[in-house]
């Protein structure tokens, strides 16, 4: 499943690469967007470092054929707050359609150091 993201020219390079690699299901390219000791928090669970992030990507991104359609992005003091419609082969029972997630990216030297993913109730 693939959703073509828009506004990618406005995204910071590591975020743009993250979105494109997610939509294409490219594990190694996706992992390369992170520093070695990065933190990802998804579904209220921490994934510290590349090995934990690799397991998360295999299971929850590539494994579920996640697709991200960018709705908006905001630069906030060098952090990228990306709002997106997300689809995939995950159990969507009880989830709204479209599923709107907010990705909070923190970067350093063209790599992602922290990513927090939330389903905000305000949605878009």
PDB file of N, CA and C in Angstrom:
ATOM      1  N   UNK A   1       0.850  -1.158   0.000  1.00  0.00           N
ATOM      2  CA  UNK A   1       0.000   0.000   0.000  1.00  0.00           C
ATOM      3  C   UNK A   1       0.898   1.223   0.000  1.00  0.00           C
ATOM      4  N   UNK A   2       0.599   2.184  -0.846  1.00  0.00           N
ATOM      5  CA  UNK A   2       1.445   3.364  -0.925  1.00  0.00           C
ATOM      6  C   UNK A   2       0.578   4.606  -1.047  1.00  0.00           C
ATOM      7  N   UNK A   3       0.902   5.593  -0.246  1.00  0.00           N
ATOM      8  CA  UNK A   3       0.259   6.903  -0.338  1.00  0.00           C
ATOM      9  C   UNK A   3       1.371   7.869  -0.696  1.00  0.00           C
ATOM     10  N   UNK A   4       1.193   8.632  -1.745  1.00  0.00           N
ATOM     11  CA  UNK A   4       2.230   9.587  -2.146  1.00  0.00           C
ATOM     12  C   UNK A   4       2.159  10.811  -1.254  1.00  0.00           C
ATOM     13  N   UNK A   5       3.194  11.061  -0.482  1.00  0.00           N
ATOM     14  CA  UNK A   5       3.188  12.235   0.395  1.00  0.00           C
ATOM     15  C   UNK A   5       3.326  13.524  -0.406  1.00  0.00           C
ATOM     16  N   UNK A   6       2.838  14.606   0.170  1.00  0.00           N
ATOM     17  CA  UNK A   6       3.024  15.909  -0.460  1.00  0.00           C
ATOM     18  C   UNK A   6       3.726  16.822   0.522  1.00  0.00           C
ATOM     19  N   UNK A   7       4.129  17.963   0.089  1.00  0.00           N
ATOM     20  CA  UNK A   7       4.868  18.959   0.868  1.00  0.00           C
ATOM     21  C   UNK A   7       6.263  18.462   1.255  1.00  0.00           C
ATOM     22  N   UNK A   8       6.782  17.426   0.581  1.00  0.00           N
ATOM     23  CA  UNK A   8       8.072  16.887   0.985  1.00  0.00           C
ATOM     24  C   UNK A   8       9.211  17.853   0.739  1.00  0.00           C
ATOM     25  N   UNK A   9       9.063  18.747  -0.219  1.00  0.00           N
ATOM     26  CA  UNK A   9      10.142  19.698  -0.461  1.00  0.00           C
ATOM     27  C   UNK A   9      10.348  20.623   0.739  1.00  0.00           C
ATOM     28  N   UNK A  10       9.329  20.774   1.581  1.00  0.00           N
ATOM     29  CA  UNK A  10       9.423  21.641   2.748  1.00  0.00           C
ATOM     30  C   UNK A  10       9.931  20.896   3.983  1.00  0.00           C
ATOM     31  N   UNK A  11      10.032  19.591   3.919  1.00  0.00           N
ATOM     32  CA  UNK A  11      10.460  18.811   5.070  1.00  0.00           C
ATOM     33  C   UNK A  11      11.979  18.797   5.178  1.00  0.00           C
ATOM     34  N   UNK A  12      12.496  18.763   6.405  1.00  0.00           N
ATOM     35  CA  UNK A  12      13.935  18.571   6.563  1.00  0.00           C
ATOM     36  C   UNK A  12      14.347  17.240   5.923  1.00  0.00           C
ATOM     37  N   UNK A  13      15.561  17.161   5.425  1.00  0.00           N
ATOM     38  CA  UNK A  13      16.017  15.981   4.696  1.00  0.00           C
ATOM     39  C   UNK A  13      15.795  14.663   5.440  1.00  0.00           C
ATOM     40  N   UNK A  14      16.161  14.536   6.726  1.00  0.00           N
ATOM     41  CA  UNK A  14      15.945  13.237   7.374  1.00  0.00           C
ATOM     42  C   UNK A  14      14.458  12.870   7.506  1.00  0.00           C
ATOM     43  N   UNK A  15      13.596  13.858   7.665  1.00  0.00           N
ATOM     44  CA  UNK A  15      12.164  13.598   7.762  1.00  0.00           C
ATOM     45  C   UNK A  15      11.616  13.197   6.395  1.00  0.00           C
ATOM     46  N   UNK A  16      12.031  13.899   5.367  1.00  0.00           N
ATOM     47  CA  UNK A  16      11.650  13.556   3.998  1.00  0.00           C
ATOM     48  C   UNK A  16      12.062  12.114   3.687  1.00  0.00           C
ATOM     49  N   UNK A  17      13.287  11.750   4.040  1.00  0.00           N
ATOM     50  CA  UNK A  17      13.779  10.394   3.799  1.00  0.00           C
ATOM     51  C   UNK A  17      12.990   9.385   4.620  1.00  0.00           C
ATOM     52  N   UNK A  18      12.686   9.717   5.877  1.00  0.00           N
ATOM     53  CA  UNK A  18      11.885   8.836   6.731  1.00  0.00           C
ATOM     54  C   UNK A  18      10.528   8.543   6.077  1.00  0.00           C
ATOM     55  N   UNK A  19       9.841   9.574   5.616  1.00  0.00           N
ATOM     56  CA  UNK A  19       8.515   9.402   5.004  1.00  0.00           C
ATOM     57  C   UNK A  19       8.622   8.564   3.736  1.00  0.00           C
ATOM     58  N   UNK A  20       9.555   8.902   2.867  1.00  0.00           N
ATOM     59  CA  UNK A  20       9.706   8.159   1.606  1.00  0.00           C
ATOM     60  C   UNK A  20      10.083   6.697   1.849  1.00  0.00           C
ATOM     61  N   UNK A  21      11.013   6.456   2.775  1.00  0.00           N
ATOM     62  CA  UNK A  21      11.445   5.085   3.063  1.00  0.00           C
ATOM     63  C   UNK A  21      10.315   4.291   3.718  1.00  0.00           C
ATOM     64  N   UNK A  22       9.537   4.940   4.583  1.00  0.00           N
ATOM     65  CA  UNK A  22       8.375   4.269   5.180  1.00  0.00           C
ATOM     66  C   UNK A  22       7.406   3.842   4.095  1.00  0.00           C
ATOM     67  N   UNK A  23       7.062   4.756   3.207  1.00  0.00           N
ATOM     68  CA  UNK A  23       6.085   4.456   2.166  1.00  0.00           C
ATOM     69  C   UNK A  23       6.582   3.401   1.185  1.00  0.00           C
ATOM     70  N   UNK A  24       7.888   3.317   0.999  1.00  0.00           N
ATOM     71  CA  UNK A  24       8.464   2.322   0.084  1.00  0.00           C
ATOM     72  C   UNK A  24       8.816   1.019   0.802  1.00  0.00           C
ATOM     73  N   UNK A  25       8.770   1.013   2.137  1.00  0.00           N
ATOM     74  CA  UNK A  25       9.114  -0.186   2.887  1.00  0.00           C
ATOM     75  C   UNK A  25      10.592  -0.521   2.868  1.00  0.00           C
ATOM     76  N   UNK A  26      11.456   0.507   2.801  1.00  0.00           N
ATOM     77  CA  UNK A  26      12.911   0.312   2.736  1.00  0.00           C
ATOM     78  C   UNK A  26      13.522   0.357   4.137  1.00  0.00           C
ATOM     79  N   UNK A  27      13.739  -0.803   4.709  1.00  0.00           N
ATOM     80  CA  UNK A  27      14.243  -0.936   6.072  1.00  0.00           C
ATOM     81  C   UNK A  27      15.560  -0.209   6.293  1.00  0.00           C
ATOM     82  N   UNK A  28      16.572  -0.490   5.493  1.00  0.00           N
ATOM     83  CA  UNK A  28      17.912   0.057   5.734  1.00  0.00           C
ATOM     84  C   UNK A  28      17.957   1.569   5.537  1.00  0.00           C
ATOM     85  N   UNK A  29      17.252   2.076   4.531  1.00  0.00           N
ATOM     86  CA  UNK A  29      17.211   3.525   4.318  1.00  0.00           C
ATOM     87  C   UNK A  29      16.519   4.196   5.501  1.00  0.00           C
ATOM     88  N   UNK A  30      15.457   3.589   5.972  1.00  0.00           N
ATOM     89  CA  UNK A  30      14.726   4.121   7.117  1.00  0.00           C
ATOM     90  C   UNK A  30      15.613   4.149   8.363  1.00  0.00           C
ATOM     91  N   UNK A  31      16.319   3.067   8.616  1.00  0.00           N
ATOM     92  CA  UNK A  31      17.205   3.008   9.781  1.00  0.00           C
ATOM     93  C   UNK A  31      18.330   4.024   9.692  1.00  0.00           C
ATOM     94  N   UNK A  32      18.801   4.295   8.485  1.00  0.00           N
ATOM     95  CA  UNK A  32      19.903   5.230   8.296  1.00  0.00           C
ATOM     96  C   UNK A  32      19.523   6.672   8.625  1.00  0.00           C
ATOM     97  N   UNK A  33      18.234   6.965   8.781  1.00  0.00           N
ATOM     98  CA  UNK A  33      17.820   8.330   9.130  1.00  0.00           C
ATOM     99  C   UNK A  33      18.080   8.623  10.604  1.00  0.00           C
ATOM    100  N   UNK A  34      18.337   7.586  11.420  1.00  0.00           N
ATOM    101  CA  UNK A  34      18.503   7.740  12.866  1.00  0.00           C
ATOM    102  C   UNK A  34      19.972   7.691  13.281  1.00  0.00           C
ATOM    103  N   UNK A  35      20.318   8.426  14.346  1.00  0.00           N
ATOM    104  CA  UNK A  35      21.618   8.261  14.990  1.00  0.00           C
ATOM    105  C   UNK A  35      21.609   6.916  15.713  1.00  0.00           C
ATOM    106  N   UNK A  36      22.796   6.426  16.072  1.00  0.00           N
ATOM    107  CA  UNK A  36      22.906   5.099  16.690  1.00  0.00           C
ATOM    108  C   UNK A  36      22.157   4.968  18.009  1.00  0.00           C
ATOM    109  N   UNK A  37      22.112   6.047  18.801  1.00  0.00           N
ATOM    110  CA  UNK A  37      21.458   5.966  20.106  1.00  0.00           C
ATOM    111  C   UNK A  37      20.143   6.749  20.148  1.00  0.00           C
ATOM    112  N   UNK A  38      19.436   6.771  19.016  1.00  0.00           N
ATOM    113  CA  UNK A  38      18.170   7.501  18.906  1.00  0.00           C
ATOM    114  C   UNK A  38      17.094   6.882  19.800  1.00  0.00           C
ATOM    115  N   UNK A  39      16.076   7.679  20.056  1.00  0.00           N
ATOM    116  CA  UNK A  39      14.897   7.243  20.798  1.00  0.00           C
ATOM    117  C   UNK A  39      13.671   7.390  19.913  1.00  0.00           C
ATOM    118  N   UNK A  40      12.888   6.317  19.827  1.00  0.00           N
ATOM    119  CA  UNK A  40      11.569   6.376  19.207  1.00  0.00           C
ATOM    120  C   UNK A  40      10.564   5.990  20.273  1.00  0.00           C
ATOM    121  N   UNK A  41       9.512   6.796  20.431  1.00  0.00           N
ATOM    122  CA  UNK A  41       8.409   6.437  21.308  1.00  0.00           C
ATOM    123  C   UNK A  41       7.174   6.348  20.437  1.00  0.00           C
ATOM    124  N   UNK A  42       6.643   5.142  20.323  1.00  0.00           N
ATOM    125  CA  UNK A  42       5.446   4.878  19.528  1.00  0.00           C
ATOM    126  C   UNK A  42       4.513   4.024  20.379  1.00  0.00           C
ATOM    127  N   UNK A  43       3.249   4.377  20.392  1.00  0.00           N
ATOM    128  CA  UNK A  43       2.244   3.682  21.180  1.00  0.00           C
ATOM    129  C   UNK A  43       2.667   3.601  22.650  1.00  0.00           C
ATOM    130  N   UNK A  44       3.263   4.685  23.124  1.00  0.00           N
ATOM    131  CA  UNK A  44       3.686   4.859  24.514  1.00  0.00           C
ATOM    132  C   UNK A  44       4.773   3.877  24.942  1.00  0.00           C
ATOM    133  N   UNK A  45       5.535   3.349  23.981  1.00  0.00           N
ATOM    134  CA  UNK A  45       6.655   2.449  24.263  1.00  0.00           C
ATOM    135  C   UNK A  45       7.936   3.048  23.707  1.00  0.00           C
ATOM    136  N   UNK A  46       8.990   3.048  24.539  1.00  0.00           N
ATOM    137  CA  UNK A  46      10.304   3.538  24.111  1.00  0.00           C
ATOM    138  C   UNK A  46      11.073   2.453  23.370  1.00  0.00           C
ATOM    139  N   UNK A  47      11.755   2.876  22.314  1.00  0.00           N
ATOM    140  CA  UNK A  47      12.664   2.022  21.550  1.00  0.00           C
ATOM    141  C   UNK A  47      13.981   2.790  21.475  1.00  0.00           C
ATOM    142  N   UNK A  48      14.967   2.388  22.292  1.00  0.00           N
ATOM    143  CA  UNK A  48      16.249   3.091  22.399  1.00  0.00           C
ATOM    144  C   UNK A  48      17.290   2.391  21.545  1.00  0.00           C
ATOM    145  N   UNK A  49      17.965   3.136  20.687  1.00  0.00           N
ATOM    146  CA  UNK A  49      19.088   2.619  19.908  1.00  0.00           C
ATOM    147  C   UNK A  49      18.657   1.896  18.649  1.00  0.00           C
ATOM    148  N   UNK A  50      19.627   1.735  17.747  1.00  0.00           N
ATOM    149  CA  UNK A  50      19.346   1.192  16.412  1.00  0.00           C
ATOM    150  C   UNK A  50      18.759  -0.219  16.433  1.00  0.00           C
ATOM    151  N   UNK A  51      19.223  -1.087  17.337  1.00  0.00           N
ATOM    152  CA  UNK A  51      18.696  -2.456  17.337  1.00  0.00           C
ATOM    153  C   UNK A  51      17.227  -2.487  17.734  1.00  0.00           C
ATOM    154  N   UNK A  52      16.861  -1.731  18.757  1.00  0.00           N
ATOM    155  CA  UNK A  52      15.461  -1.663  19.171  1.00  0.00           C
ATOM    156  C   UNK A  52      14.618  -0.983  18.089  1.00  0.00           C
ATOM    157  N   UNK A  53      15.166   0.045  17.472  1.00  0.00           N
ATOM    158  CA  UNK A  53      14.450   0.732  16.394  1.00  0.00           C
ATOM    159  C   UNK A  53      14.297  -0.196  15.196  1.00  0.00           C
ATOM    160  N   UNK A  54      15.318  -0.998  14.887  1.00  0.00           N
ATOM    161  CA  UNK A  54      15.230  -1.981  13.792  1.00  0.00           C
ATOM    162  C   UNK A  54      14.053  -2.930  14.035  1.00  0.00           C
ATOM    163  N   UNK A  55      13.949  -3.458  15.255  1.00  0.00           N
ATOM    164  CA  UNK A  55      12.849  -4.366  15.579  1.00  0.00           C
ATOM    165  C   UNK A  55      11.502  -3.679  15.420  1.00  0.00           C
ATOM    166  N   UNK A  56      11.408  -2.426  15.870  1.00  0.00           N
ATOM    167  CA  UNK A  56      10.173  -1.649  15.736  1.00  0.00           C
ATOM    168  C   UNK A  56       9.828  -1.427  14.269  1.00  0.00           C
ATOM    169  N   UNK A  57      10.817  -1.054  13.463  1.00  0.00           N
ATOM    170  CA  UNK A  57      10.581  -0.812  12.029  1.00  0.00           C
ATOM    171  C   UNK A  57      10.121  -2.093  11.343  1.00  0.00           C
ATOM    172  N   UNK A  58      10.789  -3.202  11.612  1.00  0.00           N
ATOM    173  CA  UNK A  58      10.419  -4.483  10.982  1.00  0.00           C
ATOM    174  C   UNK A  58       8.988  -4.853  11.349  1.00  0.00           C
ATOM    175  N   UNK A  59       8.642  -4.716  12.617  1.00  0.00           N
ATOM    176  CA  UNK A  59       7.324  -5.127  13.092  1.00  0.00           C
ATOM    177  C   UNK A  59       6.227  -4.128  12.718  1.00  0.00           C
ATOM    178  N   UNK A  60       6.438  -2.835  13.033  1.00  0.00           N
ATOM    179  CA  UNK A  60       5.343  -1.864  12.980  1.00  0.00           C
ATOM    180  C   UNK A  60       5.314  -0.973  11.745  1.00  0.00           C
ATOM    181  N   UNK A  61       6.389  -0.940  10.991  1.00  0.00           N
ATOM    182  CA  UNK A  61       6.389  -0.101   9.788  1.00  0.00           C
ATOM    183  C   UNK A  61       6.412  -0.977   8.550  1.00  0.00           C
ATOM    184  N   UNK A  62       7.497  -1.690   8.341  1.00  0.00           N
ATOM    185  CA  UNK A  62       7.612  -2.556   7.155  1.00  0.00           C
ATOM    186  C   UNK A  62       6.607  -3.702   7.251  1.00  0.00           C
ATOM    187  N   UNK A  63       6.534  -4.332   8.427  1.00  0.00           N
ATOM    188  CA  UNK A  63       5.643  -5.477   8.603  1.00  0.00           C
ATOM    189  C   UNK A  63       4.177  -5.143   8.413  1.00  0.00           C
ATOM    190  N   UNK A  64       3.797  -3.941   8.766  1.00  0.00           N
ATOM    191  CA  UNK A  64       2.399  -3.523   8.620  1.00  0.00           C
ATOM    192  C   UNK A  64       2.168  -2.688   7.363  1.00  0.00           C
ATOM    193  N   UNK A  65       3.186  -2.604   6.520  1.00  0.00           N
ATOM    194  CA  UNK A  65       3.117  -1.848   5.266  1.00  0.00           C
ATOM    195  C   UNK A  65       2.535  -0.447   5.501  1.00  0.00           C
ATOM    196  N   UNK A  66       3.124   0.228   6.457  1.00  0.00           N
ATOM    197  CA  UNK A  66       2.670   1.559   6.829  1.00  0.00           C
ATOM    198  C   UNK A  66       2.840   2.527   5.655  1.00  0.00           C
ATOM    199  N   UNK A  67       1.881   3.405   5.508  1.00  0.00           N
ATOM    200  CA  UNK A  67       1.944   4.458   4.493  1.00  0.00           C
ATOM    201  C   UNK A  67       1.544   5.774   5.155  1.00  0.00           C
ATOM    202  N   UNK A  68       2.359   6.790   4.917  1.00  0.00           N
ATOM    203  CA  UNK A  68       2.177   8.099   5.532  1.00  0.00           C
ATOM    204  C   UNK A  68       1.824   9.119   4.454  1.00  0.00           C
ATOM    205  N   UNK A  69       0.703   9.804   4.642  1.00  0.00           N
ATOM    206  CA  UNK A  69       0.349  10.917   3.766  1.00  0.00           C
ATOM    207  C   UNK A  69       0.445  12.197   4.589  1.00  0.00           C
ATOM    208  N   UNK A  70       1.412  13.014   4.261  1.00  0.00           N
ATOM    209  CA  UNK A  70       1.645  14.246   5.014  1.00  0.00           C
ATOM    210  C   UNK A  70       0.462  15.193   4.834  1.00  0.00           C
ATOM    211  N   UNK A  71      -0.050  15.670   5.967  1.00  0.00           N
ATOM    212  CA  UNK A  71      -1.135  16.655   5.959  1.00  0.00           C
ATOM    213  C   UNK A  71      -0.551  18.042   6.186  1.00  0.00           C
ATOM    214  N   UNK A  72       0.367  18.142   7.158  1.00  0.00           N
ATOM    215  CA  UNK A  72       1.008  19.420   7.434  1.00  0.00           C
ATOM    216  C   UNK A  72       2.317  19.165   8.164  1.00  0.00           C
ATOM    217  N   UNK A  73       3.157  20.165   8.153  1.00  0.00           N
ATOM    218  CA  UNK A  73       4.376  20.115   8.941  1.00  0.00           C
ATOM    219  C   UNK A  73       4.721  21.520   9.406  1.00  0.00           C
ATOM    220  N   UNK A  74       5.254  21.559  10.625  1.00  0.00           N
ATOM    221  CA  UNK A  74       5.595  22.826  11.248  1.00  0.00           C
ATOM    222  C   UNK A  74       7.024  22.732  11.753  1.00  0.00           C
ATOM    223  N   UNK A  75       7.818  23.760  11.464  1.00  0.00           N
ATOM    224  CA  UNK A  75       9.141  23.868  12.056  1.00  0.00           C
ATOM    225  C   UNK A  75       8.972  24.632  13.358  1.00  0.00           C
ATOM    226  N   UNK A  76       9.363  23.999  14.453  1.00  0.00           N
ATOM    227  CA  UNK A  76       9.223  24.627  15.766  1.00  0.00           C
ATOM    228  C   UNK A  76      10.578  24.594  16.452  1.00  0.00           C
ATOM    229  N   UNK A  77      11.321  25.687  16.338  1.00  0.00           N
ATOM    230  CA  UNK A  77      12.651  25.803  16.930  1.00  0.00           C
ATOM    231  C   UNK A  77      13.576  24.673  16.481  1.00  0.00           C
ATOM    232  N   UNK A  78      13.509  24.335  15.200  1.00  0.00           N
ATOM    233  CA  UNK A  78      14.376  23.307  14.663  1.00  0.00           C
ATOM    234  C   UNK A  78      13.827  21.894  14.773  1.00  0.00           C
ATOM    235  N   UNK A  79      12.678  21.738  15.410  1.00  0.00           N
ATOM    236  CA  UNK A  79      12.024  20.436  15.489  1.00  0.00           C
ATOM    237  C   UNK A  79      10.927  20.408  14.424  1.00  0.00           C
ATOM    238  N   UNK A  80      10.689  19.255  13.840  1.00  0.00           N
ATOM    239  CA  UNK A  80       9.656  19.119  12.812  1.00  0.00           C
ATOM    240  C   UNK A  80       8.464  18.390  13.414  1.00  0.00           C
ATOM    241  N   UNK A  81       7.307  19.038  13.371  1.00  0.00           N
ATOM    242  CA  UNK A  81       6.060  18.428  13.827  1.00  0.00           C
ATOM    243  C   UNK A  81       5.233  18.137  12.584  1.00  0.00           C
ATOM    244  N   UNK A  82       5.120  16.854  12.279  1.00  0.00           N
ATOM    245  CA  UNK A  82       4.477  16.410  11.039  1.00  0.00           C
ATOM    246  C   UNK A  82       3.159  15.731  11.382  1.00  0.00           C
ATOM    247  N   UNK A  83       2.083  16.212  10.799  1.00  0.00           N
ATOM    248  CA  UNK A  83       0.769  15.592  10.960  1.00  0.00           C
ATOM    249  C   UNK A  83       0.477  14.820   9.685  1.00  0.00           C
ATOM    250  N   UNK A  84      -0.007  13.572   9.848  1.00  0.00           N
ATOM    251  CA  UNK A  84      -0.193  12.714   8.678  1.00  0.00           C
ATOM    252  C   UNK A  84      -1.391  11.789   8.844  1.00  0.00           C
ATOM    253  N   UNK A  85      -1.970  11.424   7.707  1.00  0.00           N
ATOM    254  CA  UNK A  85      -2.930  10.330   7.654  1.00  0.00           C
ATOM    255  C   UNK A  85      -2.100   9.069   7.465  1.00  0.00           C
ATOM    256  N   UNK A  86      -2.395   8.043   8.263  1.00  0.00           N
ATOM    257  CA  UNK A  86      -1.595   6.821   8.243  1.00  0.00           C
ATOM    258  C   UNK A  86      -2.501   5.638   7.928  1.00  0.00           C
ATOM    259  N   UNK A  87      -2.031   4.820   6.986  1.00  0.00           N
ATOM    260  CA  UNK A  87      -2.733   3.591   6.620  1.00  0.00           C
ATOM    261  C   UNK A  87      -1.748   2.441   6.695  1.00  0.00           C
ATOM    262  N   UNK A  88      -2.293   1.239   6.749  1.00  0.00           N
ATOM    263  CA  UNK A  88      -1.440   0.063   6.774  1.00  0.00           C
ATOM    264  C   UNK A  88      -2.255  -1.178   7.052  1.00  0.00           C
ATOM    265  N   UNK A  89      -1.560  -2.289   7.228  1.00  0.00           N
ATOM    266  CA  UNK A  89      -2.202  -3.567   7.494  1.00  0.00           C
ATOM    267  C   UNK A  89      -2.263  -3.864   8.991  1.00  0.00           C
ATOM    268  N   UNK A  90      -2.562  -2.860   9.791  1.00  0.00           N
ATOM    269  CA  UNK A  90      -2.691  -3.029  11.232  1.00  0.00           C
ATOM    270  C   UNK A  90      -4.167  -3.149  11.587  1.00  0.00           C
ATOM    271  N   UNK A  91      -4.445  -3.625  12.786  1.00  0.00           N
ATOM    272  CA  UNK A  91      -5.821  -3.760  13.259  1.00  0.00           C
ATOM    273  C   UNK A  91      -6.387  -2.365  13.521  1.00  0.00           C
ATOM    274  N   UNK A  92      -7.314  -1.941  12.689  1.00  0.00           N
ATOM    275  CA  UNK A  92      -7.871  -0.602  12.786  1.00  0.00           C
ATOM    276  C   UNK A  92      -9.170  -0.526  13.574  1.00  0.00           C
ATOM    277  N   UNK A  93      -9.566  -1.638  14.201  1.00  0.00           N
ATOM    278  CA  UNK A  93     -10.818  -1.612  14.971  1.00  0.00           C
ATOM    279  C   UNK A  93     -10.738  -0.551  16.059  1.00  0.00           C
ATOM    280  N   UNK A  94     -11.747   0.294  16.102  1.00  0.00           N
ATOM    281  CA  UNK A  94     -11.813   1.339  17.112  1.00  0.00           C
ATOM    282  C   UNK A  94     -11.024   2.595  16.768  1.00  0.00           C
ATOM    283  N   UNK A  95     -10.326   2.569  15.640  1.00  0.00           N
ATOM    284  CA  UNK A  95      -9.556   3.748  15.236  1.00  0.00           C
ATOM    285  C   UNK A  95     -10.354   4.571  14.234  1.00  0.00           C
ATOM    286  N   UNK A  96     -10.164   5.882  14.245  1.00  0.00           N
ATOM    287  CA  UNK A  96     -10.892   6.727  13.295  1.00  0.00           C
ATOM    288  C   UNK A  96     -10.361   6.541  11.874  1.00  0.00           C
ATOM    289  N   UNK A  97     -11.182   6.911  10.908  1.00  0.00           N
ATOM    290  CA  UNK A  97     -10.767   6.909   9.496  1.00  0.00           C
ATOM    291  C   UNK A  97     -10.965   8.308   8.962  1.00  0.00           C
ATOM    292  N   UNK A  98      -9.943   9.031   8.567  1.00  0.00           N
ATOM    293  CA  UNK A  98      -8.566   8.558   8.526  1.00  0.00           C
ATOM    294  C   UNK A  98      -7.928   8.580   9.918  1.00  0.00           C
ATOM    295  N   UNK A  99      -6.922   7.731  10.077  1.00  0.00           N
ATOM    296  CA  UNK A  99      -6.124   7.743  11.303  1.00  0.00           C
ATOM    297  C   UNK A  99      -5.123   8.881  11.177  1.00  0.00           C
ATOM    298  N   UNK A 100      -5.193   9.831  12.091  1.00  0.00           N
ATOM    299  CA  UNK A 100      -4.299  10.995  12.077  1.00  0.00           C
ATOM    300  C   UNK A 100      -3.293  10.837  13.210  1.00  0.00           C
ATOM    301  N   UNK A 101      -2.011  10.799  12.830  1.00  0.00           N
ATOM    302  CA  UNK A 101      -0.935  10.725  13.813  1.00  0.00           C
ATOM    303  C   UNK A 101      -0.049  11.954  13.683  1.00  0.00           C
ATOM    304  N   UNK A 102       0.553  12.339  14.790  1.00  0.00           N
ATOM    305  CA  UNK A 102       1.493  13.455  14.790  1.00  0.00           C
ATOM    306  C   UNK A 102       2.864  12.887  15.133  1.00  0.00           C
ATOM    307  N   UNK A 103       3.845  13.199  14.283  1.00  0.00           N
ATOM    308  CA  UNK A 103       5.217  12.729  14.427  1.00  0.00           C
ATOM    309  C   UNK A 103       6.057  13.928  14.866  1.00  0.00           C
ATOM    310  N   UNK A 104       6.666  13.835  16.043  1.00  0.00           N
ATOM    311  CA  UNK A 104       7.502  14.900  16.581  1.00  0.00           C
ATOM    312  C   UNK A 104       8.965  14.490  16.398  1.00  0.00           C
ATOM    313  N   UNK A 105       9.624  15.106  15.412  1.00  0.00           N
ATOM    314  CA  UNK A 105      11.012  14.775  15.076  1.00  0.00           C
ATOM    315  C   UNK A 105      11.965  15.792  15.694  1.00  0.00           C
ATOM    316  N   UNK A 106      13.012  15.301  16.345  1.00  0.00           N
ATOM    317  CA  UNK A 106      14.137  16.123  16.779  1.00  0.00           C
ATOM    318  C   UNK A 106      15.357  15.638  16.027  1.00  0.00           C
ATOM    319  N   UNK A 107      16.146  16.572  15.487  1.00  0.00           N
ATOM    320  CA  UNK A 107      17.270  16.205  14.636  1.00  0.00           C
ATOM    321  C   UNK A 107      18.553  16.866  15.098  1.00  0.00           C
ATOM    322  N   UNK A 108      19.653  16.229  14.715  1.00  0.00           N
ATOM    323  CA  UNK A 108      20.984  16.765  14.972  1.00  0.00           C
ATOM    324  C   UNK A 108      21.878  16.324  13.816  1.00  0.00           C
ATOM    325  N   UNK A 109      22.500  17.300  13.165  1.00  0.00           N
ATOM    326  CA  UNK A 109      23.418  17.008  12.057  1.00  0.00           C
ATOM    327  C   UNK A 109      22.814  16.080  11.012  1.00  0.00           C
ATOM    328  N   UNK A 110      21.620  16.398  10.571  1.00  0.00           N
ATOM    329  CA  UNK A 110      20.962  15.695   9.471  1.00  0.00           C
ATOM    330  C   UNK A 110      20.574  14.249   9.790  1.00  0.00           C
ATOM    331  N   UNK A 111      20.395  13.945  11.074  1.00  0.00           N
ATOM    332  CA  UNK A 111      19.914  12.632  11.507  1.00  0.00           C
ATOM    333  C   UNK A 111      18.831  12.841  12.560  1.00  0.00           C
ATOM    334  N   UNK A 112      17.937  11.879  12.664  1.00  0.00           N
ATOM    335  CA  UNK A 112      16.885  11.918  13.675  1.00  0.00           C
ATOM    336  C   UNK A 112      17.462  11.395  14.992  1.00  0.00           C
ATOM    337  N   UNK A 113      17.324  12.183  16.055  1.00  0.00           N
ATOM    338  CA  UNK A 113      17.781  11.748  17.377  1.00  0.00           C
ATOM    339  C   UNK A 113      16.611  11.304  18.252  1.00  0.00           C
ATOM    340  N   UNK A 114      15.427  11.821  17.939  1.00  0.00           N
ATOM    341  CA  UNK A 114      14.244  11.446  18.714  1.00  0.00           C
ATOM    342  C   UNK A 114      13.010  11.575  17.841  1.00  0.00           C
ATOM    343  N   UNK A 115      12.120  10.592  17.957  1.00  0.00           N
ATOM    344  CA  UNK A 115      10.840  10.612  17.265  1.00  0.00           C
ATOM    345  C   UNK A 115       9.780  10.150  18.247  1.00  0.00           C
ATOM    346  N   UNK A 116       8.791  10.992  18.463  1.00  0.00           N
ATOM    347  CA  UNK A 116       7.654  10.651  19.309  1.00  0.00           C
ATOM    348  C   UNK A 116       6.420  10.692  18.417  1.00  0.00           C
ATOM    349  N   UNK A 117       5.641   9.615  18.442  1.00  0.00           N
ATOM    350  CA  UNK A 117       4.455   9.486  17.591  1.00  0.00           C
ATOM    351  C   UNK A 117       3.240   9.415  18.496  1.00  0.00           C
ATOM    352  N   UNK A 118       2.291  10.331  18.271  1.00  0.00           N
ATOM    353  CA  UNK A 118       1.076  10.387  19.099  1.00  0.00           C
ATOM    354  C   UNK A 118      -0.170  10.482  18.226  1.00  0.00           C
ATOM    355  N   UNK A 119      -1.242   9.960  18.753  1.00  0.00           N
ATOM    356  CA  UNK A 119      -2.555  10.177  18.152  1.00  0.00           C
ATOM    357  C   UNK A 119      -3.246  11.235  18.995  1.00  0.00           C
ATOM    358  N   UNK A 120      -3.140  12.465  18.532  1.00  0.00           N
ATOM    359  CA  UNK A 120      -3.762  13.580  19.251  1.00  0.00           C
ATOM    360  C   UNK A 120      -5.262  13.557  19.031  1.00  0.00           C
ATOM    361  N   UNK A 121      -5.989  13.876  20.064  1.00  0.00           N
ATOM    362  CA  UNK A 121      -7.438  13.870  19.954  1.00  0.00           C
ATOM    363  C   UNK A 121      -7.977  14.993  19.102  1.00  0.00           C
ATOM    364  N   UNK A 122      -7.223  16.098  18.970  1.00  0.00           N
ATOM    365  CA  UNK A 122      -7.684  17.225  18.162  1.00  0.00           C
ATOM    366  C   UNK A 122      -7.706  16.854  16.689  1.00  0.00           C
ATOM    367  N   UNK A 123      -6.726  16.045  16.232  1.00  0.00           N
ATOM    368  CA  UNK A 123      -6.696  15.553  14.857  1.00  0.00           C
ATOM    369  C   UNK A 123      -6.767  16.631  13.806  1.00  0.00           C
ATOM    370  N   UNK A 124      -6.648  16.199  12.535  1.00  0.00           N
ATOM    371  CA  UNK A 124      -6.784  17.103  11.390  1.00  0.00           C
ATOM    372  C   UNK A 124      -7.591  16.413  10.333  1.00  0.00           C
TER     373      UNK A 124
END
